[in-house]
PDB file of N, CA and C in Angstrom:
ATOM      1  N   MET A   1      -0.643 -14.281  10.482  1.00  0.00           N
ATOM      2  CA  MET A   1      -0.433 -12.850  10.555  1.00  0.00           C
ATOM      3  C   MET A   1       0.214 -12.373   9.259  1.00  0.00           C
ATOM      4  N   PRO A   2      -0.253 -11.278   8.704  1.00  0.00           N
ATOM      5  CA  PRO A   2       0.344 -10.749   7.462  1.00  0.00           C
ATOM      6  C   PRO A   2       1.793 -10.322   7.681  1.00  0.00           C
ATOM      7  N   HIS A   3       2.508 -10.176   6.589  1.00  0.00           N
ATOM      8  CA  HIS A   3       3.856  -9.622   6.650  1.00  0.00           C
ATOM      9  C   HIS A   3       4.078  -8.754   5.418  1.00  0.00           C
ATOM     10  N   TRP A   4       5.006  -7.823   5.531  1.00  0.00           N
ATOM     11  CA  TRP A   4       5.312  -6.913   4.430  1.00  0.00           C
ATOM     12  C   TRP A   4       6.296  -7.558   3.466  1.00  0.00           C
ATOM     13  N   ASN A   5       6.015  -7.405   2.178  1.00  0.00           N
ATOM     14  CA  ASN A   5       6.960  -7.730   1.121  1.00  0.00           C
ATOM     15  C   ASN A   5       7.547  -6.390   0.666  1.00  0.00           C
ATOM     16  N   ASP A   6       8.858  -6.259   0.684  1.00  0.00           N
ATOM     17  CA  ASP A   6       9.488  -4.993   0.320  1.00  0.00           C
ATOM     18  C   ASP A   6       9.435  -4.754  -1.182  1.00  0.00           C
ATOM     19  N   LEU A   7       9.034  -3.538  -1.547  1.00  0.00           N
ATOM     20  CA  LEU A   7       9.091  -3.100  -2.946  1.00  0.00           C
ATOM     21  C   LEU A   7      10.382  -2.315  -3.124  1.00  0.00           C
ATOM     22  N   THR A   8      11.196  -2.739  -4.068  1.00  0.00           N
ATOM     23  CA  THR A   8      12.483  -2.075  -4.258  1.00  0.00           C
ATOM     24  C   THR A   8      12.795  -1.734  -5.714  1.00  0.00           C
ATOM     25  N   ASP A   9      11.980  -2.255  -6.654  1.00  0.00           N
ATOM     26  CA  ASP A   9      12.268  -1.952  -8.061  1.00  0.00           C
ATOM     27  C   ASP A   9      10.987  -1.950  -8.903  1.00  0.00           C
ATOM     28  N   ILE A  10      11.096  -1.355 -10.051  1.00  0.00           N
ATOM     29  CA  ILE A  10       9.954  -1.163 -10.951  1.00  0.00           C
ATOM     30  C   ILE A  10       9.402  -2.484 -11.500  1.00  0.00           C
ATOM     31  N   PRO A  11      10.228  -3.481 -11.843  1.00  0.00           N
ATOM     32  CA  PRO A  11       9.647  -4.746 -12.306  1.00  0.00           C
ATOM     33  C   PRO A  11       8.667  -5.370 -11.298  1.00  0.00           C
ATOM     34  N   GLN A  12       8.904  -5.185 -10.004  1.00  0.00           N
ATOM     35  CA  GLN A  12       7.960  -5.687  -8.998  1.00  0.00           C
ATOM     36  C   GLN A  12       6.594  -5.029  -9.158  1.00  0.00           C
ATOM     37  N   ILE A  13       6.585  -3.738  -9.477  1.00  0.00           N
ATOM     38  CA  ILE A  13       5.315  -3.017  -9.648  1.00  0.00           C
ATOM     39  C   ILE A  13       4.585  -3.549 -10.870  1.00  0.00           C
ATOM     40  N   ASN A  14       5.314  -3.804 -11.939  1.00  0.00           N
ATOM     41  CA  ASN A  14       4.690  -4.359 -13.146  1.00  0.00           C
ATOM     42  C   ASN A  14       4.087  -5.730 -12.871  1.00  0.00           C
ATOM     43  N   THR A  15       4.786  -6.551 -12.100  1.00  0.00           N
ATOM     44  CA  THR A  15       4.272  -7.869 -11.719  1.00  0.00           C
ATOM     45  C   THR A  15       3.028  -7.725 -10.854  1.00  0.00           C
ATOM     46  N   LEU A  16       3.086  -6.821  -9.886  1.00  0.00           N
ATOM     47  CA  LEU A  16       1.945  -6.572  -8.999  1.00  0.00           C
ATOM     48  C   LEU A  16       0.729  -6.105  -9.801  1.00  0.00           C
ATOM     49  N   LYS A  17       0.951  -5.210 -10.762  1.00  0.00           N
ATOM     50  CA  LYS A  17      -0.150  -4.680 -11.577  1.00  0.00           C
ATOM     51  C   LYS A  17      -0.792  -5.781 -12.421  1.00  0.00           C
ATOM     52  N   ALA A  18      -0.009  -6.742 -12.860  1.00  0.00           N
ATOM     53  CA  ALA A  18      -0.522  -7.819 -13.709  1.00  0.00           C
ATOM     54  C   ALA A  18      -1.166  -8.956 -12.912  1.00  0.00           C
ATOM     55  N   ALA A  19      -0.971  -8.965 -11.614  1.00  0.00           N
ATOM     56  CA  ALA A  19      -1.456 -10.078 -10.787  1.00  0.00           C
ATOM     57  C   ALA A  19      -2.957  -9.972 -10.526  1.00  0.00           C
ATOM     58  N   PRO A  20      -3.656 -11.089 -10.570  1.00  0.00           N
ATOM     59  CA  PRO A  20      -5.075 -11.087 -10.201  1.00  0.00           C
ATOM     60  C   PRO A  20      -5.230 -10.972  -8.687  1.00  0.00           C
ATOM     61  N   GLY A  21      -6.407 -10.546  -8.261  1.00  0.00           N
ATOM     62  CA  GLY A  21      -6.693 -10.476  -6.830  1.00  0.00           C
ATOM     63  C   GLY A  21      -6.305  -9.141  -6.227  1.00  0.00           C
ATOM     64  N   TYR A  22      -6.111  -9.164  -4.906  1.00  0.00           N
ATOM     65  CA  TYR A  22      -5.868  -7.945  -4.138  1.00  0.00           C
ATOM     66  C   TYR A  22      -4.427  -7.838  -3.681  1.00  0.00           C
ATOM     67  N   SER A  23      -3.897  -6.635  -3.810  1.00  0.00           N
ATOM     68  CA  SER A  23      -2.591  -6.295  -3.264  1.00  0.00           C
ATOM     69  C   SER A  23      -2.724  -4.944  -2.574  1.00  0.00           C
ATOM     70  N   LEU A  24      -1.941  -4.771  -1.552  1.00  0.00           N
ATOM     71  CA  LEU A  24      -1.973  -3.543  -0.786  1.00  0.00           C
ATOM     72  C   LEU A  24      -0.560  -2.967  -0.743  1.00  0.00           C
ATOM     73  N   ILE A  25      -0.434  -1.684  -1.049  1.00  0.00           N
ATOM     74  CA  ILE A  25       0.867  -1.012  -1.015  1.00  0.00           C
ATOM     75  C   ILE A  25       0.823   0.055   0.072  1.00  0.00           C
ATOM     76  N   PHE A  26       1.790   0.001   0.980  1.00  0.00           N
ATOM     77  CA  PHE A  26       1.939   1.047   1.984  1.00  0.00           C
ATOM     78  C   PHE A  26       3.215   1.806   1.658  1.00  0.00           C
ATOM     79  N   LYS A  27       3.053   3.078   1.279  1.00  0.00           N
ATOM     80  CA  LYS A  27       4.193   3.943   0.985  1.00  0.00           C
ATOM     81  C   LYS A  27       4.533   4.703   2.262  1.00  0.00           C
ATOM     82  N   HIS A  28       5.783   4.563   2.691  1.00  0.00           N
ATOM     83  CA  HIS A  28       6.189   5.064   3.993  1.00  0.00           C
ATOM     84  C   HIS A  28       7.459   5.908   3.891  1.00  0.00           C
ATOM     85  N   SER A  29       7.433   7.060   4.543  1.00  0.00           N
ATOM     86  CA  SER A  29       8.633   7.877   4.679  1.00  0.00           C
ATOM     87  C   SER A  29       9.287   7.525   6.004  1.00  0.00           C
ATOM     88  N   THR A  30      10.464   6.956   5.936  1.00  0.00           N
ATOM     89  CA  THR A  30      11.164   6.535   7.146  1.00  0.00           C
ATOM     90  C   THR A  30      11.653   7.722   7.969  1.00  0.00           C
ATOM     91  N   ARG A  31      11.523   8.941   7.452  1.00  0.00           N
ATOM     92  CA  ARG A  31      11.942  10.144   8.172  1.00  0.00           C
ATOM     93  C   ARG A  31      10.773  10.904   8.795  1.00  0.00           C
ATOM     94  N   CYS A  32       9.574  10.355   8.705  1.00  0.00           N
ATOM     95  CA  CYS A  32       8.379  11.092   9.111  1.00  0.00           C
ATOM     96  C   CYS A  32       7.664  10.400  10.270  1.00  0.00           C
ATOM     97  N   ALA A  33       7.490  11.121  11.363  1.00  0.00           N
ATOM     98  CA  ALA A  33       6.805  10.564  12.533  1.00  0.00           C
ATOM     99  C   ALA A  33       5.340  10.272  12.237  1.00  0.00           C
ATOM    100  N   VAL A  34       4.683  11.105  11.438  1.00  0.00           N
ATOM    101  CA  VAL A  34       3.280  10.880  11.082  1.00  0.00           C
ATOM    102  C   VAL A  34       3.147   9.583  10.297  1.00  0.00           C
ATOM    103  N   SER A  35       4.065   9.356   9.387  1.00  0.00           N
ATOM    104  CA  SER A  35       4.046   8.129   8.594  1.00  0.00           C
ATOM    105  C   SER A  35       4.254   6.911   9.497  1.00  0.00           C
ATOM    106  N   ALA A  36       5.160   7.008  10.453  1.00  0.00           N
ATOM    107  CA  ALA A  36       5.403   5.902  11.385  1.00  0.00           C
ATOM    108  C   ALA A  36       4.165   5.615  12.230  1.00  0.00           C
ATOM    109  N   MET A  37       3.475   6.657  12.674  1.00  0.00           N
ATOM    110  CA  MET A  37       2.257   6.466  13.462  1.00  0.00           C
ATOM    111  C   MET A  37       1.161   5.820  12.626  1.00  0.00           C
ATOM    112  N   ALA A  38       1.012   6.249  11.374  1.00  0.00           N
ATOM    113  CA  ALA A  38      -0.009   5.669  10.494  1.00  0.00           C
ATOM    114  C   ALA A  38       0.285   4.194  10.231  1.00  0.00           C
ATOM    115  N   LYS A  39       1.548   3.864  10.046  1.00  0.00           N
ATOM    116  CA  LYS A  39       1.932   2.465   9.816  1.00  0.00           C
ATOM    117  C   LYS A  39       1.618   1.607  11.044  1.00  0.00           C
ATOM    118  N   ARG A  40       1.994   2.094  12.227  1.00  0.00           N
ATOM    119  CA  ARG A  40       1.711   1.336  13.459  1.00  0.00           C
ATOM    120  C   ARG A  40       0.210   1.144  13.659  1.00  0.00           C
ATOM    121  N   ALA A  41      -0.576   2.186  13.433  1.00  0.00           N
ATOM    122  CA  ALA A  41      -2.033   2.085  13.603  1.00  0.00           C
ATOM    123  C   ALA A  41      -2.615   1.082  12.616  1.00  0.00           C
ATOM    124  N   PHE A  42      -2.135   1.100  11.375  1.00  0.00           N
ATOM    125  CA  PHE A  42      -2.611   0.158  10.372  1.00  0.00           C
ATOM    126  C   PHE A  42      -2.252  -1.277  10.771  1.00  0.00           C
ATOM    127  N   GLU A  43      -1.008  -1.489  11.178  1.00  0.00           N
ATOM    128  CA  GLU A  43      -0.559  -2.832  11.549  1.00  0.00           C
ATOM    129  C   GLU A  43      -1.300  -3.371  12.770  1.00  0.00           C
ATOM    130  N   ARG A  44      -1.737  -2.497  13.647  1.00  0.00           N
ATOM    131  CA  ARG A  44      -2.482  -2.924  14.834  1.00  0.00           C
ATOM    132  C   ARG A  44      -3.790  -3.613  14.440  1.00  0.00           C
ATOM    133  N   ASP A  45      -4.367  -3.212  13.295  1.00  0.00           N
ATOM    134  CA  ASP A  45      -5.667  -3.736  12.873  1.00  0.00           C
ATOM    135  C   ASP A  45      -5.611  -4.587  11.607  1.00  0.00           C
ATOM    136  N   TRP A  46      -4.435  -4.842  11.080  1.00  0.00           N
ATOM    137  CA  TRP A  46      -4.371  -5.483   9.762  1.00  0.00           C
ATOM    138  C   TRP A  46      -4.832  -6.925   9.753  1.00  0.00           C
ATOM    139  N   ASP A  47      -5.012  -7.529  10.900  1.00  0.00           N
ATOM    140  CA  ASP A  47      -5.542  -8.893  10.914  1.00  0.00           C
ATOM    141  C   ASP A  47      -7.020  -8.952  10.541  1.00  0.00           C
ATOM    142  N   THR A  48      -7.670  -7.790  10.376  1.00  0.00           N
ATOM    143  CA  THR A  48      -9.059  -7.750   9.898  1.00  0.00           C
ATOM    144  C   THR A  48      -9.132  -7.945   8.381  1.00  0.00           C
ATOM    145  N   ILE A  49      -8.002  -7.821   7.708  1.00  0.00           N
ATOM    146  CA  ILE A  49      -7.948  -7.926   6.249  1.00  0.00           C
ATOM    147  C   ILE A  49      -7.845  -9.406   5.856  1.00  0.00           C
ATOM    148  N   PRO A  50      -8.634  -9.845   4.872  1.00  0.00           N
ATOM    149  CA  PRO A  50      -8.596 -11.258   4.456  1.00  0.00           C
ATOM    150  C   PRO A  50      -7.187 -11.738   4.091  1.00  0.00           C
ATOM    151  N   ALA A  51      -6.946 -13.001   4.351  1.00  0.00           N
ATOM    152  CA  ALA A  51      -5.611 -13.594   4.189  1.00  0.00           C
ATOM    153  C   ALA A  51      -5.101 -13.591   2.752  1.00  0.00           C
ATOM    154  N   GLN A  52      -5.988 -13.525   1.760  1.00  0.00           N
ATOM    155  CA  GLN A  52      -5.529 -13.619   0.368  1.00  0.00           C
ATOM    156  C   GLN A  52      -4.879 -12.333  -0.150  1.00  0.00           C
ATOM    157  N   VAL A  53      -4.855 -11.281   0.649  1.00  0.00           N
ATOM    158  CA  VAL A  53      -4.267 -10.006   0.228  1.00  0.00           C
ATOM    159  C   VAL A  53      -2.749 -10.063   0.390  1.00  0.00           C
ATOM    160  N   ASN A  54      -2.047  -9.578  -0.624  1.00  0.00           N
ATOM    161  CA  ASN A  54      -0.587  -9.464  -0.571  1.00  0.00           C
ATOM    162  C   ASN A  54      -0.228  -8.069  -0.061  1.00  0.00           C
ATOM    163  N   PHE A  55       0.642  -7.997   0.947  1.00  0.00           N
ATOM    164  CA  PHE A  55       1.032  -6.732   1.567  1.00  0.00           C
ATOM    165  C   PHE A  55       2.413  -6.313   1.072  1.00  0.00           C
ATOM    166  N   TYR A  56       2.499  -5.089   0.552  1.00  0.00           N
ATOM    167  CA  TYR A  56       3.762  -4.558   0.043  1.00  0.00           C
ATOM    168  C   TYR A  56       4.103  -3.264   0.758  1.00  0.00           C
ATOM    169  N   PHE A  57       5.390  -3.104   1.050  1.00  0.00           N
ATOM    170  CA  PHE A  57       5.900  -1.950   1.776  1.00  0.00           C
ATOM    171  C   PHE A  57       6.925  -1.243   0.912  1.00  0.00           C
ATOM    172  N   LEU A  58       6.788   0.074   0.791  1.00  0.00           N
ATOM    173  CA  LEU A  58       7.744   0.864   0.026  1.00  0.00           C
ATOM    174  C   LEU A  58       8.361   1.931   0.917  1.00  0.00           C
ATOM    175  N   ASP A  59       9.666   1.833   1.106  1.00  0.00           N
ATOM    176  CA  ASP A  59      10.445   2.896   1.752  1.00  0.00           C
ATOM    177  C   ASP A  59      10.715   3.923   0.660  1.00  0.00           C
ATOM    178  N   LEU A  60       9.895   4.977   0.655  1.00  0.00           N
ATOM    179  CA  LEU A  60       9.988   5.898  -0.477  1.00  0.00           C
ATOM    180  C   LEU A  60      11.205   6.801  -0.412  1.00  0.00           C
ATOM    181  N   ILE A  61      11.861   6.892   0.721  1.00  0.00           N
ATOM    182  CA  ILE A  61      13.112   7.650   0.790  1.00  0.00           C
ATOM    183  C   ILE A  61      14.200   6.902   0.002  1.00  0.00           C
ATOM    184  N   SER A  62      14.264   5.601   0.178  1.00  0.00           N
ATOM    185  CA  SER A  62      15.268   4.788  -0.513  1.00  0.00           C
ATOM    186  C   SER A  62      14.917   4.488  -1.959  1.00  0.00           C
ATOM    187  N   HIS A  63      13.615   4.542  -2.289  1.00  0.00           N
ATOM    188  CA  HIS A  63      13.181   4.115  -3.622  1.00  0.00           C
ATOM    189  C   HIS A  63      12.218   5.136  -4.241  1.00  0.00           C
ATOM    190  N   ARG A  64      12.690   6.365  -4.368  1.00  0.00           N
ATOM    191  CA  ARG A  64      11.847   7.439  -4.919  1.00  0.00           C
ATOM    192  C   ARG A  64      11.370   7.139  -6.334  1.00  0.00           C
ATOM    193  N   ASN A  65      12.220   6.505  -7.138  1.00  0.00           N
ATOM    194  CA  ASN A  65      11.827   6.179  -8.505  1.00  0.00           C
ATOM    195  C   ASN A  65      10.659   5.197  -8.529  1.00  0.00           C
ATOM    196  N   VAL A  66      10.634   4.264  -7.594  1.00  0.00           N
ATOM    197  CA  VAL A  66       9.546   3.293  -7.516  1.00  0.00           C
ATOM    198  C   VAL A  66       8.266   4.010  -7.078  1.00  0.00           C
ATOM    199  N   SER A  67       8.385   4.922  -6.136  1.00  0.00           N
ATOM    200  CA  SER A  67       7.229   5.697  -5.679  1.00  0.00           C
ATOM    201  C   SER A  67       6.638   6.522  -6.825  1.00  0.00           C
ATOM    202  N   ALA A  68       7.504   7.162  -7.591  1.00  0.00           N
ATOM    203  CA  ALA A  68       7.026   7.954  -8.734  1.00  0.00           C
ATOM    204  C   ALA A  68       6.349   7.064  -9.770  1.00  0.00           C
ATOM    205  N   TYR A  69       6.887   5.886  -9.994  1.00  0.00           N
ATOM    206  CA  TYR A  69       6.293   4.956 -10.948  1.00  0.00           C
ATOM    207  C   TYR A  69       4.922   4.474 -10.469  1.00  0.00           C
ATOM    208  N   ILE A  70       4.793   4.208  -9.177  1.00  0.00           N
ATOM    209  CA  ILE A  70       3.501   3.811  -8.617  1.00  0.00           C
ATOM    210  C   ILE A  70       2.465   4.900  -8.861  1.00  0.00           C
ATOM    211  N   ALA A  71       2.832   6.146  -8.612  1.00  0.00           N
ATOM    212  CA  ALA A  71       1.908   7.265  -8.837  1.00  0.00           C
ATOM    213  C   ALA A  71       1.476   7.320 -10.303  1.00  0.00           C
ATOM    214  N   GLU A  72       2.421   7.112 -11.187  1.00  0.00           N
ATOM    215  CA  GLU A  72       2.123   7.162 -12.624  1.00  0.00           C
ATOM    216  C   GLU A  72       1.247   5.999 -13.073  1.00  0.00           C
ATOM    217  N   ILE A  73       1.639   4.791 -12.729  1.00  0.00           N
ATOM    218  CA  ILE A  73       0.960   3.606 -13.258  1.00  0.00           C
ATOM    219  C   ILE A  73      -0.443   3.414 -12.663  1.00  0.00           C
ATOM    220  N   PHE A  74      -0.627   3.840 -11.408  1.00  0.00           N
ATOM    221  CA  PHE A  74      -1.944   3.701 -10.781  1.00  0.00           C
ATOM    222  C   PHE A  74      -2.736   5.007 -10.786  1.00  0.00           C
ATOM    223  N   GLN A  75      -2.161   6.032 -11.401  1.00  0.00           N
ATOM    224  CA  GLN A  75      -2.819   7.333 -11.585  1.00  0.00           C
ATOM    225  C   GLN A  75      -3.306   7.927 -10.261  1.00  0.00           C
ATOM    226  N   VAL A  76      -2.367   8.031  -9.306  1.00  0.00           N
ATOM    227  CA  VAL A  76      -2.648   8.635  -8.006  1.00  0.00           C
ATOM    228  C   VAL A  76      -1.597   9.702  -7.729  1.00  0.00           C
ATOM    229  N   HIS A  77      -1.947  10.659  -6.875  1.00  0.00           N
ATOM    230  CA  HIS A  77      -0.962  11.628  -6.410  1.00  0.00           C
ATOM    231  C   HIS A  77      -0.026  10.951  -5.431  1.00  0.00           C
ATOM    232  N   HIS A  78       1.222  11.336  -5.467  1.00  0.00           N
ATOM    233  CA  HIS A  78       2.177  10.837  -4.487  1.00  0.00           C
ATOM    234  C   HIS A  78       1.883  11.491  -3.131  1.00  0.00           C
ATOM    235  N   GLU A  79       1.762  10.663  -2.103  1.00  0.00           N
ATOM    236  CA  GLU A  79       1.611  11.157  -0.739  1.00  0.00           C
ATOM    237  C   GLU A  79       2.369  10.229   0.186  1.00  0.00           C
ATOM    238  N   SER A  80       2.580  10.679   1.399  1.00  0.00           N
ATOM    239  CA  SER A  80       3.225   9.854   2.413  1.00  0.00           C
ATOM    240  C   SER A  80       2.741  10.303   3.784  1.00  0.00           C
ATOM    241  N   PRO A  81       2.287   9.357   4.565  1.00  0.00           N
ATOM    242  CA  PRO A  81       2.086   7.954   4.233  1.00  0.00           C
ATOM    243  C   PRO A  81       0.925   7.791   3.263  1.00  0.00           C
ATOM    244  N   GLN A  82       0.937   6.701   2.543  1.00  0.00           N
ATOM    245  CA  GLN A  82      -0.120   6.442   1.568  1.00  0.00           C
ATOM    246  C   GLN A  82      -0.378   4.944   1.482  1.00  0.00           C
ATOM    247  N   LEU A  83      -1.649   4.607   1.406  1.00  0.00           N
ATOM    248  CA  LEU A  83      -2.068   3.216   1.276  1.00  0.00           C
ATOM    249  C   LEU A  83      -2.864   3.085  -0.016  1.00  0.00           C
ATOM    250  N   LEU A  84      -2.475   2.130  -0.845  1.00  0.00           N
ATOM    251  CA  LEU A  84      -3.181   1.852  -2.088  1.00  0.00           C
ATOM    252  C   LEU A  84      -3.674   0.410  -2.050  1.00  0.00           C
ATOM    253  N   LEU A  85      -4.938   0.216  -2.358  1.00  0.00           N
ATOM    254  CA  LEU A  85      -5.487  -1.130  -2.499  1.00  0.00           C
ATOM    255  C   LEU A  85      -5.681  -1.377  -3.984  1.00  0.00           C
ATOM    256  N   ILE A  86      -5.034  -2.412  -4.470  1.00  0.00           N
ATOM    257  CA  ILE A  86      -5.056  -2.749  -5.891  1.00  0.00           C
ATOM    258  C   ILE A  86      -5.889  -4.012  -6.060  1.00  0.00           C
ATOM    259  N   LYS A  87      -6.848  -3.968  -6.984  1.00  0.00           N
ATOM    260  CA  LYS A  87      -7.660  -5.144  -7.312  1.00  0.00           C
ATOM    261  C   LYS A  87      -7.528  -5.403  -8.807  1.00  0.00           C
ATOM    262  N   ASP A  88      -7.017  -6.573  -9.141  1.00  0.00           N
ATOM    263  CA  ASP A  88      -6.849  -6.965 -10.543  1.00  0.00           C
ATOM    264  C   ASP A  88      -6.156  -5.875 -11.362  1.00  0.00           C
ATOM    265  N   GLY A  89      -5.126  -5.278 -10.779  1.00  0.00           N
ATOM    266  CA  GLY A  89      -4.312  -4.292 -11.490  1.00  0.00           C
ATOM    267  C   GLY A  89      -4.801  -2.863 -11.449  1.00  0.00           C
ATOM    268  N   GLU A  90      -5.925  -2.603 -10.806  1.00  0.00           N
ATOM    269  CA  GLU A  90      -6.477  -1.247 -10.730  1.00  0.00           C
ATOM    270  C   GLU A  90      -6.521  -0.781  -9.281  1.00  0.00           C
ATOM    271  N   CYS A  91      -6.178   0.470  -9.057  1.00  0.00           N
ATOM    272  CA  CYS A  91      -6.234   1.040  -7.717  1.00  0.00           C
ATOM    273  C   CYS A  91      -7.687   1.368  -7.372  1.00  0.00           C
ATOM    274  N   ILE A  92      -8.198   0.725  -6.314  1.00  0.00           N
ATOM    275  CA  ILE A  92      -9.588   0.962  -5.917  1.00  0.00           C
ATOM    276  C   ILE A  92      -9.687   1.749  -4.605  1.00  0.00           C
ATOM    277  N   LEU A  93      -8.543   1.970  -3.959  1.00  0.00           N
ATOM    278  CA  LEU A  93      -8.517   2.780  -2.746  1.00  0.00           C
ATOM    279  C   LEU A  93      -7.179   3.485  -2.663  1.00  0.00           C
ATOM    280  N   ASP A  94      -7.232   4.790  -2.443  1.00  0.00           N
ATOM    281  CA  ASP A  94      -6.048   5.622  -2.256  1.00  0.00           C
ATOM    282  C   ASP A  94      -6.301   6.437  -0.992  1.00  0.00           C
ATOM    283  N   ALA A  95      -5.603   6.108   0.081  1.00  0.00           N
ATOM    284  CA  ALA A  95      -5.805   6.801   1.352  1.00  0.00           C
ATOM    285  C   ALA A  95      -4.460   7.302   1.871  1.00  0.00           C
ATOM    286  N   SER A  96      -4.510   8.405   2.596  1.00  0.00           N
ATOM    287  CA  SER A  96      -3.279   8.909   3.189  1.00  0.00           C
ATOM    288  C   SER A  96      -3.540   9.440   4.593  1.00  0.00           C
ATOM    289  N   HIS A  97      -2.441   9.562   5.327  1.00  0.00           N
ATOM    290  CA  HIS A  97      -2.452  10.097   6.686  1.00  0.00           C
ATOM    291  C   HIS A  97      -3.502   9.422   7.565  1.00  0.00           C
ATOM    292  N   SER A  98      -4.371  10.183   8.190  1.00  0.00           N
ATOM    293  CA  SER A  98      -5.347   9.611   9.135  1.00  0.00           C
ATOM    294  C   SER A  98      -6.481   8.856   8.442  1.00  0.00           C
ATOM    295  N   ASP A  99      -6.552   8.923   7.120  1.00  0.00           N
ATOM    296  CA  ASP A  99      -7.586   8.177   6.386  1.00  0.00           C
ATOM    297  C   ASP A  99      -7.190   6.720   6.147  1.00  0.00           C
ATOM    298  N   ILE A 100      -5.971   6.342   6.485  1.00  0.00           N
ATOM    299  CA  ILE A 100      -5.514   4.964   6.300  1.00  0.00           C
ATOM    300  C   ILE A 100      -6.195   4.085   7.336  1.00  0.00           C
ATOM    301  N   SER A 101      -6.913   3.059   6.855  1.00  0.00           N
ATOM    302  CA  SER A 101      -7.692   2.211   7.760  1.00  0.00           C
ATOM    303  C   SER A 101      -7.735   0.772   7.265  1.00  0.00           C
ATOM    304  N   ALA A 102      -7.287  -0.138   8.108  1.00  0.00           N
ATOM    305  CA  ALA A 102      -7.388  -1.564   7.783  1.00  0.00           C
ATOM    306  C   ALA A 102      -8.848  -1.981   7.691  1.00  0.00           C
ATOM    307  N   TYR A 103      -9.691  -1.367   8.513  1.00  0.00           N
ATOM    308  CA  TYR A 103     -11.114  -1.706   8.489  1.00  0.00           C
ATOM    309  C   TYR A 103     -11.756  -1.318   7.153  1.00  0.00           C
ATOM    310  N   GLU A 104     -11.361  -0.177   6.594  1.00  0.00           N
ATOM    311  CA  GLU A 104     -11.900   0.226   5.295  1.00  0.00           C
ATOM    312  C   GLU A 104     -11.442  -0.739   4.202  1.00  0.00           C
ATOM    313  N   VAL A 105     -10.185  -1.164   4.265  1.00  0.00           N
ATOM    314  CA  VAL A 105      -9.671  -2.139   3.300  1.00  0.00           C
ATOM    315  C   VAL A 105     -10.485  -3.430   3.397  1.00  0.00           C
ATOM    316  N   ALA A 106     -10.676  -3.928   4.617  1.00  0.00           N
ATOM    317  CA  ALA A 106     -11.432  -5.164   4.813  1.00  0.00           C
ATOM    318  C   ALA A 106     -12.867  -5.024   4.307  1.00  0.00           C
ATOM    319  N   GLU A 107     -13.478  -3.877   4.550  1.00  0.00           N
ATOM    320  CA  GLU A 107     -14.853  -3.644   4.099  1.00  0.00           C
ATOM    321  C   GLU A 107     -14.950  -3.671   2.570  1.00  0.00           C
ATOM    322  N   LEU A 108     -13.986  -3.049   1.892  1.00  0.00           N
ATOM    323  CA  LEU A 108     -13.997  -3.058   0.427  1.00  0.00           C
ATOM    324  C   LEU A 108     -13.830  -4.473  -0.125  1.00  0.00           C
ATOM    325  N   ILE A 109     -12.976  -5.246   0.491  1.00  0.00           N
ATOM    326  CA  ILE A 109     -12.728  -6.612   0.008  1.00  0.00           C
ATOM    327  C   ILE A 109     -13.908  -7.539   0.305  1.00  0.00           C
ATOM    328  N   ASN A 110     -14.443  -7.413   1.495  1.00  0.00           N
ATOM    329  CA  ASN A 110     -15.540  -8.299   1.900  1.00  0.00           C
ATOM    330  C   ASN A 110     -16.903  -7.872   1.377  1.00  0.00           C
ATOM    331  N   GLY A 111     -16.968  -6.665   0.837  1.00  0.00           N
ATOM    332  CA  GLY A 111     -18.216  -6.170   0.269  1.00  0.00           C
ATOM    333  C   GLY A 111     -19.194  -5.835   1.311  1.00  0.00           C
TER     334      GLY A 111
END
């Protein structure tokens, strides 16, 4: 079963960007019920995603600077909740709110 790796600082983002393969970032507002529902729905289906994917979780209330850096480095608008799929350092999927889908992530990875 996958587990979340917490993102708490900018050097982690630089390491993630330089890493080969797939990484997934879930940006979550701990004060938002919609964000909590999107996270639960995603986690309910995340076992459909191949095992080689690294899962990262960002509490954007506690780490706003990291969230802003993610938006800058991956050239996406900041949203919450937001799911980013990174492949070889490039963002290939940017989804938010009800568009967040583990099945879509799995489909992109599995081709």
